[in-house]
């Protein structure tokens, strides 16, 4: 779940067993926005999120794909997707 903690956007697990404050994943504004978009989509792809990123922010399609791929890799490494 995306939560705001002390003014920062973080992804945290739900339930007592999922709480590990050493593994909070902090997100900047655009990464938090992408997280919300991914949640809306359910099944998402790099391309679909990159397209939405281009619609919302002033980035080129290549920049968007690179940034989205990196963010998704971070999420996968953290075990949140």
PDB file of N, CA and C in Angstrom:
ATOM      1  N   UNK A   1       0.831  -1.179   0.000  1.00  0.00           N
ATOM      2  CA  UNK A   1       0.000   0.000   0.000  1.00  0.00           C
ATOM      3  C   UNK A   1       0.879   1.248   0.000  1.00  0.00           C
ATOM      4  N   UNK A   2       0.469   2.226  -0.771  1.00  0.00           N
ATOM      5  CA  UNK A   2       1.156   3.511  -0.794  1.00  0.00           C
ATOM      6  C   UNK A   2       0.638   4.343   0.365  1.00  0.00           C
ATOM      7  N   UNK A   3       1.545   4.821   1.185  1.00  0.00           N
ATOM      8  CA  UNK A   3       1.188   5.636   2.350  1.00  0.00           C
ATOM      9  C   UNK A   3       2.101   6.857   2.401  1.00  0.00           C
ATOM     10  N   UNK A   4       1.624   7.897   3.062  1.00  0.00           N
ATOM     11  CA  UNK A   4       2.477   9.041   3.335  1.00  0.00           C
ATOM     12  C   UNK A   4       2.932   8.927   4.782  1.00  0.00           C
ATOM     13  N   UNK A   5       4.235   8.889   4.983  1.00  0.00           N
ATOM     14  CA  UNK A   5       4.825   8.758   6.314  1.00  0.00           C
ATOM     15  C   UNK A   5       5.820   9.901   6.489  1.00  0.00           C
ATOM     16  N   UNK A   6       5.567  10.741   7.444  1.00  0.00           N
ATOM     17  CA  UNK A   6       6.452  11.886   7.720  1.00  0.00           C
ATOM     18  C   UNK A   6       6.713  12.719   6.465  1.00  0.00           C
ATOM     19  N   UNK A   7       5.676  12.911   5.665  1.00  0.00           N
ATOM     20  CA  UNK A   7       5.797  13.725   4.466  1.00  0.00           C
ATOM     21  C   UNK A   7       6.408  13.028   3.271  1.00  0.00           C
ATOM     22  N   UNK A   8       6.714  11.741   3.390  1.00  0.00           N
ATOM     23  CA  UNK A   8       7.304  10.971   2.291  1.00  0.00           C
ATOM     24  C   UNK A   8       6.313   9.915   1.805  1.00  0.00           C
ATOM     25  N   UNK A   9       6.284   9.665   0.487  1.00  0.00           N
ATOM     26  CA  UNK A   9       5.494   8.568  -0.069  1.00  0.00           C
ATOM     27  C   UNK A   9       6.291   7.288   0.090  1.00  0.00           C
ATOM     28  N   UNK A  10       5.684   6.279   0.722  1.00  0.00           N
ATOM     29  CA  UNK A  10       6.360   4.998   0.901  1.00  0.00           C
ATOM     30  C   UNK A  10       5.397   3.864   0.596  1.00  0.00           C
ATOM     31  N   UNK A  11       5.958   2.771   0.142  1.00  0.00           N
ATOM     32  CA  UNK A  11       5.174   1.554  -0.061  1.00  0.00           C
ATOM     33  C   UNK A  11       5.460   0.656   1.127  1.00  0.00           C
ATOM     34  N   UNK A  12       4.392   0.194   1.762  1.00  0.00           N
ATOM     35  CA  UNK A  12       4.518  -0.691   2.912  1.00  0.00           C
ATOM     36  C   UNK A  12       3.571  -1.865   2.731  1.00  0.00           C
ATOM     37  N   UNK A  13       3.938  -2.994   3.340  1.00  0.00           N
ATOM     38  CA  UNK A  13       3.055  -4.148   3.329  1.00  0.00           C
ATOM     39  C   UNK A  13       1.920  -3.953   4.314  1.00  0.00           C
ATOM     40  N   UNK A  14       0.851  -4.701   4.122  1.00  0.00           N
ATOM     41  CA  UNK A  14      -0.281  -4.606   5.032  1.00  0.00           C
ATOM     42  C   UNK A  14      -0.233  -5.749   6.036  1.00  0.00           C
ATOM     43  N   UNK A  15      -0.730  -5.491   7.210  1.00  0.00           N
ATOM     44  CA  UNK A  15      -0.794  -6.514   8.238  1.00  0.00           C
ATOM     45  C   UNK A  15       0.479  -6.565   9.055  1.00  0.00           C
ATOM     46  N   UNK A  16       0.381  -7.096  10.252  1.00  0.00           N
ATOM     47  CA  UNK A  16       1.525  -7.126  11.157  1.00  0.00           C
ATOM     48  C   UNK A  16       2.689  -7.936  10.613  1.00  0.00           C
ATOM     49  N   UNK A  17       2.426  -9.013   9.915  1.00  0.00           N
ATOM     50  CA  UNK A  17       3.505  -9.861   9.394  1.00  0.00           C
ATOM     51  C   UNK A  17       4.279  -9.175   8.284  1.00  0.00           C
ATOM     52  N   UNK A  18       3.673  -8.193   7.613  1.00  0.00           N
ATOM     53  CA  UNK A  18       4.328  -7.519   6.486  1.00  0.00           C
ATOM     54  C   UNK A  18       5.156  -6.321   6.930  1.00  0.00           C
ATOM     55  N   UNK A  19       5.029  -5.914   8.181  1.00  0.00           N
ATOM     56  CA  UNK A  19       5.731  -4.717   8.632  1.00  0.00           C
ATOM     57  C   UNK A  19       7.206  -5.013   8.854  1.00  0.00           C
ATOM     58  N   UNK A  20       8.051  -4.317   8.103  1.00  0.00           N
ATOM     59  CA  UNK A  20       9.499  -4.379   8.265  1.00  0.00           C
ATOM     60  C   UNK A  20      10.005  -2.990   7.913  1.00  0.00           C
ATOM     61  N   UNK A  21      10.215  -2.169   8.928  1.00  0.00           N
ATOM     62  CA  UNK A  21      10.565  -0.784   8.671  1.00  0.00           C
ATOM     63  C   UNK A  21      11.939  -0.636   8.014  1.00  0.00           C
ATOM     64  N   UNK A  22      12.731  -1.689   7.982  1.00  0.00           N
ATOM     65  CA  UNK A  22      13.997  -1.649   7.264  1.00  0.00           C
ATOM     66  C   UNK A  22      13.810  -1.800   5.771  1.00  0.00           C
ATOM     67  N   UNK A  23      12.591  -2.145   5.337  1.00  0.00           N
ATOM     68  CA  UNK A  23      12.330  -2.359   3.926  1.00  0.00           C
ATOM     69  C   UNK A  23      11.251  -1.443   3.370  1.00  0.00           C
ATOM     70  N   UNK A  24      11.058  -0.284   3.978  1.00  0.00           N
ATOM     71  CA  UNK A  24      10.142   0.683   3.401  1.00  0.00           C
ATOM     72  C   UNK A  24      10.743   1.173   2.093  1.00  0.00           C
ATOM     73  N   UNK A  25       9.916   1.326   1.084  1.00  0.00           N
ATOM     74  CA  UNK A  25      10.382   1.796  -0.214  1.00  0.00           C
ATOM     75  C   UNK A  25       9.872   3.214  -0.412  1.00  0.00           C
ATOM     76  N   UNK A  26      10.763   4.195  -0.329  1.00  0.00           N
ATOM     77  CA  UNK A  26      10.385   5.594  -0.498  1.00  0.00           C
ATOM     78  C   UNK A  26      10.258   5.920  -1.989  1.00  0.00           C
ATOM     79  N   UNK A  27       9.234   6.682  -2.327  1.00  0.00           N
ATOM     80  CA  UNK A  27       8.972   7.057  -3.711  1.00  0.00           C
ATOM     81  C   UNK A  27       8.925   8.572  -3.845  1.00  0.00           C
ATOM     82  N   UNK A  28       9.511   9.081  -4.931  1.00  0.00           N
ATOM     83  CA  UNK A  28       9.346  10.500  -5.212  1.00  0.00           C
ATOM     84  C   UNK A  28       7.947  10.718  -5.787  1.00  0.00           C
ATOM     85  N   UNK A  29       7.619  11.960  -6.081  1.00  0.00           N
ATOM     86  CA  UNK A  29       6.265  12.289  -6.536  1.00  0.00           C
ATOM     87  C   UNK A  29       5.859  11.519  -7.790  1.00  0.00           C
ATOM     88  N   UNK A  30       6.737  11.466  -8.786  1.00  0.00           N
ATOM     89  CA  UNK A  30       6.372  10.791 -10.031  1.00  0.00           C
ATOM     90  C   UNK A  30       6.307   9.277  -9.855  1.00  0.00           C
ATOM     91  N   UNK A  31       7.162   8.708  -9.017  1.00  0.00           N
ATOM     92  CA  UNK A  31       7.100   7.263  -8.759  1.00  0.00           C
ATOM     93  C   UNK A  31       5.826   6.909  -8.007  1.00  0.00           C
ATOM     94  N   UNK A  32       5.417   7.753  -7.056  1.00  0.00           N
ATOM     95  CA  UNK A  32       4.159   7.524  -6.337  1.00  0.00           C
ATOM     96  C   UNK A  32       2.982   7.619  -7.307  1.00  0.00           C
ATOM     97  N   UNK A  33       3.050   8.573  -8.225  1.00  0.00           N
ATOM     98  CA  UNK A  33       2.000   8.703  -9.231  1.00  0.00           C
ATOM     99  C   UNK A  33       1.935   7.440 -10.096  1.00  0.00           C
ATOM    100  N   UNK A  34       3.112   6.938 -10.503  1.00  0.00           N
ATOM    101  CA  UNK A  34       3.144   5.706 -11.303  1.00  0.00           C
ATOM    102  C   UNK A  34       2.582   4.520 -10.529  1.00  0.00           C
ATOM    103  N   UNK A  35       2.887   4.452  -9.230  1.00  0.00           N
ATOM    104  CA  UNK A  35       2.359   3.366  -8.397  1.00  0.00           C
ATOM    105  C   UNK A  35       0.828   3.384  -8.418  1.00  0.00           C
ATOM    106  N   UNK A  36       0.252   4.573  -8.295  1.00  0.00           N
ATOM    107  CA  UNK A  36      -1.210   4.698  -8.325  1.00  0.00           C
ATOM    108  C   UNK A  36      -1.759   4.276  -9.686  1.00  0.00           C
ATOM    109  N   UNK A  37      -1.063   4.652 -10.756  1.00  0.00           N
ATOM    110  CA  UNK A  37      -1.495   4.260 -12.095  1.00  0.00           C
ATOM    111  C   UNK A  37      -1.448   2.735 -12.253  1.00  0.00           C
ATOM    112  N   UNK A  38      -0.376   2.122 -11.769  1.00  0.00           N
ATOM    113  CA  UNK A  38      -0.234   0.667 -11.846  1.00  0.00           C
ATOM    114  C   UNK A  38      -1.341  -0.016 -11.066  1.00  0.00           C
ATOM    115  N   UNK A  39      -1.690   0.521  -9.901  1.00  0.00           N
ATOM    116  CA  UNK A  39      -2.780  -0.056  -9.112  1.00  0.00           C
ATOM    117  C   UNK A  39      -4.097   0.033  -9.870  1.00  0.00           C
ATOM    118  N   UNK A  40      -4.352   1.178 -10.509  1.00  0.00           N
ATOM    119  CA  UNK A  40      -5.573   1.342 -11.304  1.00  0.00           C
ATOM    120  C   UNK A  40      -5.651   0.323 -12.425  1.00  0.00           C
ATOM    121  N   UNK A  41      -4.512   0.100 -13.094  1.00  0.00           N
ATOM    122  CA  UNK A  41      -4.481  -0.800 -14.246  1.00  0.00           C
ATOM    123  C   UNK A  41      -4.622  -2.262 -13.837  1.00  0.00           C
ATOM    124  N   UNK A  42      -4.119  -2.617 -12.683  1.00  0.00           N
ATOM    125  CA  UNK A  42      -4.079  -4.028 -12.305  1.00  0.00           C
ATOM    126  C   UNK A  42      -2.907  -4.688 -13.002  1.00  0.00           C
ATOM    127  N   UNK A  43      -3.160  -5.244 -14.164  1.00  0.00           N
ATOM    128  CA  UNK A  43      -2.072  -5.782 -14.988  1.00  0.00           C
ATOM    129  C   UNK A  43      -1.517  -4.623 -15.799  1.00  0.00           C
ATOM    130  N   UNK A  44      -0.245  -4.345 -15.625  1.00  0.00           N
ATOM    131  CA  UNK A  44       0.350  -3.205 -16.322  1.00  0.00           C
ATOM    132  C   UNK A  44       1.618  -3.648 -17.021  1.00  0.00           C
ATOM    133  N   UNK A  45       2.027  -2.847 -17.991  1.00  0.00           N
ATOM    134  CA  UNK A  45       3.281  -3.078 -18.709  1.00  0.00           C
ATOM    135  C   UNK A  45       4.117  -1.806 -18.648  1.00  0.00           C
ATOM    136  N   UNK A  46       5.381  -1.947 -18.956  1.00  0.00           N
ATOM    137  CA  UNK A  46       6.261  -0.782 -19.041  1.00  0.00           C
ATOM    138  C   UNK A  46       5.691   0.194 -20.059  1.00  0.00           C
ATOM    139  N   UNK A  47       5.281  -0.318 -21.203  1.00  0.00           N
ATOM    140  CA  UNK A  47       4.765   0.549 -22.274  1.00  0.00           C
ATOM    141  C   UNK A  47       3.532   1.317 -21.838  1.00  0.00           C
ATOM    142  N   UNK A  48       2.603   0.637 -21.172  1.00  0.00           N
ATOM    143  CA  UNK A  48       1.361   1.298 -20.748  1.00  0.00           C
ATOM    144  C   UNK A  48       1.645   2.385 -19.715  1.00  0.00           C
ATOM    145  N   UNK A  49       2.511   2.092 -18.750  1.00  0.00           N
ATOM    146  CA  UNK A  49       2.856   3.105 -17.752  1.00  0.00           C
ATOM    147  C   UNK A  49       3.653   4.247 -18.365  1.00  0.00           C
ATOM    148  N   UNK A  50       4.533   3.932 -19.299  1.00  0.00           N
ATOM    149  CA  UNK A  50       5.314   4.974 -19.974  1.00  0.00           C
ATOM    150  C   UNK A  50       4.403   5.909 -20.755  1.00  0.00           C
ATOM    151  N   UNK A  51       3.397   5.348 -21.391  1.00  0.00           N
ATOM    152  CA  UNK A  51       2.446   6.168 -22.140  1.00  0.00           C
ATOM    153  C   UNK A  51       1.717   7.134 -21.202  1.00  0.00           C
ATOM    154  N   UNK A  52       1.270   6.629 -20.064  1.00  0.00           N
ATOM    155  CA  UNK A  52       0.600   7.498 -19.093  1.00  0.00           C
ATOM    156  C   UNK A  52       1.555   8.555 -18.543  1.00  0.00           C
ATOM    157  N   UNK A  53       2.805   8.171 -18.339  1.00  0.00           N
ATOM    158  CA  UNK A  53       3.795   9.115 -17.829  1.00  0.00           C
ATOM    159  C   UNK A  53       3.985  10.268 -18.814  1.00  0.00           C
ATOM    160  N   UNK A  54       4.025   9.960 -20.107  1.00  0.00           N
ATOM    161  CA  UNK A  54       4.169  10.993 -21.135  1.00  0.00           C
ATOM    162  C   UNK A  54       2.958  11.930 -21.157  1.00  0.00           C
ATOM    163  N   UNK A  55       1.788  11.384 -20.881  1.00  0.00           N
ATOM    164  CA  UNK A  55       0.581  12.205 -20.866  1.00  0.00           C
ATOM    165  C   UNK A  55       0.565  13.164 -19.670  1.00  0.00           C
ATOM    166  N   UNK A  56       1.160  12.745 -18.564  1.00  0.00           N
ATOM    167  CA  UNK A  56       1.112  13.520 -17.321  1.00  0.00           C
ATOM    168  C   UNK A  56       2.310  14.460 -17.145  1.00  0.00           C
ATOM    169  N   UNK A  57       3.486  14.011 -17.584  1.00  0.00           N
ATOM    170  CA  UNK A  57       4.718  14.762 -17.372  1.00  0.00           C
ATOM    171  C   UNK A  57       5.363  15.088 -18.710  1.00  0.00           C
ATOM    172  N   UNK A  58       6.221  16.073 -18.707  1.00  0.00           N
ATOM    173  CA  UNK A  58       6.911  16.507 -19.924  1.00  0.00           C
ATOM    174  C   UNK A  58       8.175  15.664 -20.119  1.00  0.00           C
ATOM    175  N   UNK A  59       8.000  14.437 -20.616  1.00  0.00           N
ATOM    176  CA  UNK A  59       9.120  13.539 -20.900  1.00  0.00           C
ATOM    177  C   UNK A  59       8.917  12.914 -22.271  1.00  0.00           C
ATOM    178  N   UNK A  60      10.022  12.524 -22.891  1.00  0.00           N
ATOM    179  CA  UNK A  60       9.933  11.851 -24.190  1.00  0.00           C
ATOM    180  C   UNK A  60       9.549  10.388 -23.966  1.00  0.00           C
ATOM    181  N   UNK A  61       9.017   9.733 -24.979  1.00  0.00           N
ATOM    182  CA  UNK A  61       8.684   8.314 -24.839  1.00  0.00           C
ATOM    183  C   UNK A  61       9.890   7.452 -24.433  1.00  0.00           C
ATOM    184  N   UNK A  62      11.068   7.746 -24.991  1.00  0.00           N
ATOM    185  CA  UNK A  62      12.257   6.966 -24.624  1.00  0.00           C
ATOM    186  C   UNK A  62      12.630   7.174 -23.162  1.00  0.00           C
ATOM    187  N   UNK A  63      12.585   8.427 -22.705  1.00  0.00           N
ATOM    188  CA  UNK A  63      12.878   8.716 -21.290  1.00  0.00           C
ATOM    189  C   UNK A  63      11.862   8.024 -20.390  1.00  0.00           C
ATOM    190  N   UNK A  64      10.605   8.079 -20.786  1.00  0.00           N
ATOM    191  CA  UNK A  64       9.541   7.473 -19.987  1.00  0.00           C
ATOM    192  C   UNK A  64       9.745   5.964 -19.872  1.00  0.00           C
ATOM    193  N   UNK A  65      10.032   5.300 -20.985  1.00  0.00           N
ATOM    194  CA  UNK A  65      10.241   3.840 -20.949  1.00  0.00           C
ATOM    195  C   UNK A  65      11.428   3.481 -20.059  1.00  0.00           C
ATOM    196  N   UNK A  66      12.518   4.239 -20.187  1.00  0.00           N
ATOM    197  CA  UNK A  66      13.712   3.980 -19.370  1.00  0.00           C
ATOM    198  C   UNK A  66      13.403   4.166 -17.892  1.00  0.00           C
ATOM    199  N   UNK A  67      12.742   5.278 -17.559  1.00  0.00           N
ATOM    200  CA  UNK A  67      12.418   5.573 -16.167  1.00  0.00           C
ATOM    201  C   UNK A  67      11.443   4.548 -15.585  1.00  0.00           C
ATOM    202  N   UNK A  68      10.417   4.213 -16.345  1.00  0.00           N
ATOM    203  CA  UNK A  68       9.426   3.242 -15.867  1.00  0.00           C
ATOM    204  C   UNK A  68      10.062   1.872 -15.673  1.00  0.00           C
ATOM    205  N   UNK A  69      10.887   1.449 -16.608  1.00  0.00           N
ATOM    206  CA  UNK A  69      11.556   0.151 -16.473  1.00  0.00           C
ATOM    207  C   UNK A  69      12.420   0.113 -15.218  1.00  0.00           C
ATOM    208  N   UNK A  70      13.113   1.213 -14.935  1.00  0.00           N
ATOM    209  CA  UNK A  70      13.962   1.272 -13.740  1.00  0.00           C
ATOM    210  C   UNK A  70      13.130   1.229 -12.468  1.00  0.00           C
ATOM    211  N   UNK A  71      12.022   1.947 -12.457  1.00  0.00           N
ATOM    212  CA  UNK A  71      11.160   1.952 -11.270  1.00  0.00           C
ATOM    213  C   UNK A  71      10.550   0.577 -11.040  1.00  0.00           C
ATOM    214  N   UNK A  72      10.089  -0.054 -12.093  1.00  0.00           N
ATOM    215  CA  UNK A  72       9.515  -1.399 -11.949  1.00  0.00           C
ATOM    216  C   UNK A  72      10.581  -2.373 -11.462  1.00  0.00           C
ATOM    217  N   UNK A  73      11.805  -2.252 -11.948  1.00  0.00           N
ATOM    218  CA  UNK A  73      12.894  -3.119 -11.473  1.00  0.00           C
ATOM    219  C   UNK A  73      13.123  -2.908  -9.977  1.00  0.00           C
ATOM    220  N   UNK A  74      13.072  -1.654  -9.524  1.00  0.00           N
ATOM    221  CA  UNK A  74      13.197  -1.377  -8.091  1.00  0.00           C
ATOM    222  C   UNK A  74      12.068  -2.044  -7.315  1.00  0.00           C
ATOM    223  N   UNK A  75      10.854  -1.933  -7.823  1.00  0.00           N
ATOM    224  CA  UNK A  75       9.702  -2.548  -7.159  1.00  0.00           C
ATOM    225  C   UNK A  75       9.853  -4.062  -7.104  1.00  0.00           C
ATOM    226  N   UNK A  76      10.331  -4.652  -8.193  1.00  0.00           N
ATOM    227  CA  UNK A  76      10.529  -6.108  -8.224  1.00  0.00           C
ATOM    228  C   UNK A  76      11.612  -6.519  -7.231  1.00  0.00           C
ATOM    229  N   UNK A  77      12.704  -5.775  -7.190  1.00  0.00           N
ATOM    230  CA  UNK A  77      13.781  -6.086  -6.245  1.00  0.00           C
ATOM    231  C   UNK A  77      13.320  -5.978  -4.802  1.00  0.00           C
ATOM    232  N   UNK A  78      12.406  -5.061  -4.532  1.00  0.00           N
ATOM    233  CA  UNK A  78      11.876  -4.891  -3.184  1.00  0.00           C
ATOM    234  C   UNK A  78      10.780  -5.901  -2.876  1.00  0.00           C
ATOM    235  N   UNK A  79      10.334  -6.623  -3.906  1.00  0.00           N
ATOM    236  CA  UNK A  79       9.305  -7.640  -3.714  1.00  0.00           C
ATOM    237  C   UNK A  79       7.901  -7.081  -3.564  1.00  0.00           C
ATOM    238  N   UNK A  80       7.657  -5.869  -4.094  1.00  0.00           N
ATOM    239  CA  UNK A  80       6.322  -5.289  -3.975  1.00  0.00           C
ATOM    240  C   UNK A  80       5.465  -5.508  -5.215  1.00  0.00           C
ATOM    241  N   UNK A  81       6.068  -5.989  -6.295  1.00  0.00           N
ATOM    242  CA  UNK A  81       5.299  -6.392  -7.490  1.00  0.00           C
ATOM    243  C   UNK A  81       5.806  -7.739  -7.944  1.00  0.00           C
TER     244      UNK A  81
END
